[in-house]
Protein backbone atom coordinates (compact mmCIF):
# COMPACT_ATOMS: atom_id res chain seq x y z
CA UNK A 1 0.02 -0.10 -0.12
CA UNK A 2 1.15 3.57 -0.82
CA UNK A 3 -0.13 6.19 1.57
CA UNK A 4 -0.89 9.20 -0.91
CA UNK A 5 -3.86 10.82 0.66
CA UNK A 6 -2.22 13.67 2.63
CA UNK A 7 -2.69 17.34 1.91
CA UNK A 8 1.01 18.51 1.86
CA UNK A 9 0.14 21.72 3.44
CA UNK A 10 3.89 22.59 4.36
CA UNK A 11 4.58 22.21 0.75
CA UNK A 12 2.01 25.00 -0.20
CA UNK A 13 1.67 26.74 -2.60
CA UNK A 14 2.91 23.94 -4.68
CA UNK A 15 0.38 21.49 -3.35
CA UNK A 16 -2.44 23.80 -3.92
CA UNK A 17 -2.79 22.39 -7.35
CA UNK A 18 -0.40 19.52 -7.40
CA UNK A 19 -0.87 16.60 -4.94
CA UNK A 20 2.49 15.78 -3.07
CA UNK A 21 2.99 12.28 -4.61
CA UNK A 22 3.13 14.04 -8.21
CA UNK A 23 6.00 16.15 -7.10
CA UNK A 24 9.11 15.29 -9.31
CA UNK A 25 12.55 14.59 -7.98
CA UNK A 26 15.37 13.50 -10.50
CA UNK A 27 12.62 13.66 -13.33
CA UNK A 28 10.22 11.07 -11.79
CA UNK A 29 7.14 11.67 -9.54
CA UNK A 30 7.60 10.39 -6.06
CA UNK A 31 4.60 7.96 -6.50
CA UNK A 32 5.67 6.64 -9.91
CA UNK A 33 9.20 5.94 -8.53
CA UNK A 34 7.55 3.95 -5.69
CA UNK A 35 5.38 1.99 -8.00
CA UNK A 36 8.39 1.22 -10.48
CA UNK A 37 10.44 0.12 -7.46
CA UNK A 38 7.74 -2.02 -6.06
CA UNK A 39 7.23 -3.77 -9.37
CA UNK A 40 10.97 -4.29 -9.80
CA UNK A 41 10.79 -6.11 -6.15
CA UNK A 42 8.08 -8.39 -7.44
CA UNK A 43 5.34 -6.44 -5.56
CA UNK A 44 3.00 -5.37 -8.38
CA UNK A 45 -0.31 -5.63 -6.36
CA UNK A 46 -0.62 -2.22 -5.18
CA UNK A 47 -3.24 -0.36 -3.17
CA UNK A 48 -3.12 3.57 -3.10
CA UNK A 49 -5.33 5.69 -0.83
CA UNK A 50 -6.25 9.05 -2.24
CA UNK A 51 -7.80 12.14 -1.07
CA UNK A 52 -6.50 15.73 -1.89
CA UNK A 53 -6.61 16.06 -5.65
CA UNK A 54 -6.70 12.38 -5.84
CA UNK A 55 -8.14 12.44 -9.30
CA UNK A 56 -4.91 13.64 -10.61
CA UNK A 57 -3.01 10.82 -9.04
CA UNK A 58 -5.46 8.32 -10.45
CA UNK A 59 -5.22 10.14 -13.89
CA UNK A 60 -1.38 9.80 -13.77
CA UNK A 61 -1.09 6.02 -12.85
CA UNK A 62 -4.35 4.60 -14.01
CA UNK A 63 -4.63 0.97 -13.34
CA UNK A 64 -1.03 0.40 -13.30
CA UNK A 65 -0.57 -1.71 -16.37
CA UNK A 66 1.85 0.82 -17.91
CA UNK A 67 4.16 0.03 -14.99
CA UNK A 68 3.52 -3.62 -14.76
CA UNK A 69 1.36 -3.34 -11.73
CA UNK A 70 -2.20 -3.72 -10.98
CA UNK A 71 -3.43 -0.56 -9.08
CA UNK A 72 -6.65 -0.29 -7.09
CA UNK A 73 -7.61 3.09 -5.08
CA UNK A 74 -8.98 3.48 -1.61
CA UNK A 75 -10.54 6.93 -2.03
CA UNK A 76 -11.14 9.11 1.19
CA UNK A 77 -12.60 12.36 2.03
CA UNK A 78 -9.84 14.95 2.58
CA UNK A 79 -8.25 15.09 5.96
CA UNK A 80 -10.85 12.43 7.36
CA UNK A 81 -8.81 9.36 8.21
CA UNK A 82 -5.08 10.05 8.92
CA UNK A 83 -2.61 7.29 8.40
CA UNK A 84 -3.81 4.58 10.45
CA UNK A 85 -7.50 5.13 9.40
CA UNK A 86 -6.38 5.19 5.88
CA UNK A 87 -4.94 1.71 6.22
CA UNK A 88 -7.94 0.43 8.19
CA UNK A 89 -10.38 1.68 5.48
CA UNK A 90 -8.29 -0.19 2.70
CA UNK A 91 -8.16 -3.34 4.61
CA UNK A 92 -10.92 -4.99 2.18
CA UNK A 93 -8.44 -4.41 -0.64
CA UNK A 94 -5.27 -5.71 1.25
CA UNK A 95 -6.11 -9.28 1.98
CA UNK A 96 -5.23 -11.51 4.87
CA UNK A 97 -1.39 -11.66 4.53
CA UNK A 98 1.17 -9.23 6.03
CA UNK A 99 1.34 -6.07 3.61
CA UNK A 100 4.02 -3.52 2.88
CA UNK A 101 3.07 0.07 3.58
CA UNK A 102 5.25 2.93 1.91
CA UNK A 103 4.72 6.68 2.61
CA UNK A 104 4.36 8.46 -0.77
CA UNK A 105 6.29 11.37 0.41
CA UNK A 106 9.62 9.71 0.91
CA UNK A 107 12.50 9.31 -1.53
CA UNK A 108 14.75 6.52 -0.61
CA UNK A 109 17.06 3.76 -2.13
CA UNK A 110 15.90 1.27 0.60
CA UNK A 111 15.27 -2.11 -0.93
CA UNK A 112 11.68 -2.87 -0.87
CA UNK A 113 11.86 -6.68 -1.40
CA UNK A 114 13.12 -7.38 2.32
CA UNK A 115 11.43 -10.64 3.34
CA UNK A 116 10.81 -9.96 7.22
CA UNK A 117 7.47 -10.94 8.57
CA UNK A 118 6.66 -8.99 11.63
CA UNK A 119 7.90 -10.42 14.73
CA UNK A 120 4.73 -9.32 16.50
CA UNK A 121 2.38 -7.02 14.79
CA UNK A 122 4.63 -4.97 12.68
CA UNK A 123 8.14 -4.62 11.34
CA UNK A 124 9.46 -1.08 10.56
CA UNK A 125 12.38 0.35 8.47
CA UNK A 126 14.27 2.85 10.70
CA UNK A 127 16.81 5.40 9.70
CA UNK A 128 19.18 7.31 11.90
CA UNK A 129 17.79 10.50 13.04
CA UNK A 130 17.64 13.13 10.27
CA UNK A 131 18.38 16.78 10.98
CA UNK A 132 14.78 17.79 11.07
CA UNK A 133 13.83 14.93 13.54
CA UNK A 134 16.73 14.97 15.82
CA UNK A 135 14.77 13.54 18.84
CA UNK A 136 13.91 10.48 17.02
CA UNK A 137 11.13 8.01 17.56
CA UNK A 138 12.82 4.60 18.64
CA UNK A 139 15.67 2.47 19.60
CA UNK A 140 16.60 -0.96 18.25
CA UNK A 141 17.80 -3.86 20.50
CA UNK A 142 18.68 -6.82 18.02
CA UNK A 143 15.53 -6.91 15.96
CA UNK A 144 13.21 -5.48 18.79
CA UNK A 145 11.97 -1.91 18.31
CA UNK A 146 12.12 -0.11 21.74
CA UNK A 147 11.12 3.24 23.25
CA UNK A 148 13.89 3.54 25.62
CA UNK A 149 15.38 7.10 25.36
CA UNK A 150 17.29 8.60 23.97
CA UNK A 151 16.01 7.55 20.61
CA UNK A 152 18.49 7.06 17.94
CA UNK A 153 16.16 6.17 15.07
CA UNK A 154 13.30 7.52 13.17
CA UNK A 155 10.64 5.61 11.34
CA UNK A 156 11.30 5.57 7.74
CA UNK A 157 7.69 5.56 6.50
CA UNK A 158 8.26 1.89 5.28
CA UNK A 159 6.75 -1.06 7.24
CA UNK A 160 5.19 -4.48 7.18
CA UNK A 161 1.92 -4.90 9.01
CA UNK A 162 -0.34 -7.70 10.15
CA UNK A 163 -3.98 -7.01 8.99
CA UNK A 164 -5.26 -7.94 12.37
CA UNK A 165 -3.60 -4.65 13.72
CA UNK A 166 -6.19 -2.67 11.91
CA UNK A 167 -9.33 -4.87 11.97
CA UNK A 168 -11.07 -3.38 15.04
CA UNK A 169 -10.81 0.25 14.10
CA UNK A 170 -13.44 0.35 11.33
CA UNK A 171 -13.12 3.73 9.57
CA UNK A 172 -12.07 5.66 12.72
CA UNK A 173 -9.75 8.70 12.22
CA UNK A 174 -6.44 7.78 14.00
CA UNK A 175 -2.61 8.40 13.28
CA UNK A 176 -0.08 5.62 12.95
CA UNK A 177 2.47 6.81 15.37
CA UNK A 178 0.61 6.23 18.80
CA UNK A 179 -0.20 2.83 17.57
CA UNK A 180 3.55 2.02 16.79
CA UNK A 181 4.47 3.53 20.30
CA UNK A 182 1.92 1.09 21.90
CA UNK A 183 3.16 -1.94 20.15
CA UNK A 184 6.68 -0.87 20.97
CA UNK A 185 6.02 -0.95 24.49
CA UNK A 186 4.15 -4.30 24.33
CA UNK A 187 7.05 -5.74 22.79
CA UNK A 188 5.24 -6.35 19.52
CA UNK A 189 7.30 -4.29 17.07
CA UNK A 190 10.41 -5.61 15.15
CA UNK A 191 12.58 -3.43 12.83
CA UNK A 192 15.71 -2.97 10.82
CA UNK A 193 17.98 -0.02 9.94
CA UNK A 194 18.52 1.67 6.59
CA UNK A 195 21.64 3.55 6.25
CA UNK A 196 21.47 4.59 2.62
CA UNK A 197 19.68 7.58 1.06
CA UNK A 198 16.36 8.90 2.63
CA UNK A 199 14.70 12.11 2.01
CA UNK A 200 11.31 13.00 3.82
CA UNK A 201 9.48 15.54 1.30
CA UNK A 202 7.90 17.50 4.12
CA UNK A 203 8.74 21.05 3.33
CA UNK A 204 9.65 23.34 0.39
CA UNK A 205 13.25 23.46 1.74
CA UNK A 206 13.45 19.66 2.06
CA UNK A 207 12.30 19.13 -1.33
CA UNK A 208 14.98 21.43 -2.76
CA UNK A 209 17.67 19.65 -0.67
CA UNK A 210 16.45 16.19 -1.91
CA UNK A 211 16.18 17.43 -5.52
CA UNK A 212 20.09 18.86 -5.15
CA UNK A 213 21.18 15.52 -3.55
CA UNK A 214 19.57 13.24 -5.95
CA UNK A 215 20.82 15.26 -8.93
CA UNK A 216 24.45 14.68 -7.73
CA UNK A 217 24.13 11.02 -7.73
CA UNK A 218 21.55 10.51 -10.58
CA UNK A 219 23.88 8.78 -12.77
CA UNK A 220 24.22 6.06 -9.99
CA UNK A 221 20.43 5.43 -9.67
């Protein structure tokens, strides 16, 4: 599942007319790069949730056949469900097996074909704390994600989740982070660290920084 329903308010005025997943870095939109990398990893059954200017995302990607994918859409009212609620709403489209979730607004070279099943309810990709989030979210003891401060790692917006984690939420509005914190406290969260390239396209300044960094290594991509 690609989470693509956010408003991208901190990227305004760019996102007043363009959904954040269609922002380009290195000549490719964020979401198209995700779709192509997922297909290259053998993950071509893709669910995308959409809200703000979602019709533009659907028009760009279509049913996914142009990328070798099969894409279906989970449509939401703008600002209604947050990240956790968006996943819960899409459960009927996601099936009964653990599924990969990727935030549309990150650019990374993290491999998406990792095979870890959650050692509990979820398995997260973590990164060393970036400059814009120095306090971090988690620590890692072996493969167990903990909340023992100080926090050295930040959730990268990539994780594998057991469907049962969301089944009791219906279409409630709830963010994902508090749920992950609770799972960590209960010892139900595993993880791994990615030390490669990762950019969170959350502001205009971070977008320009990512464009500059990616342009410098583009021949390597």
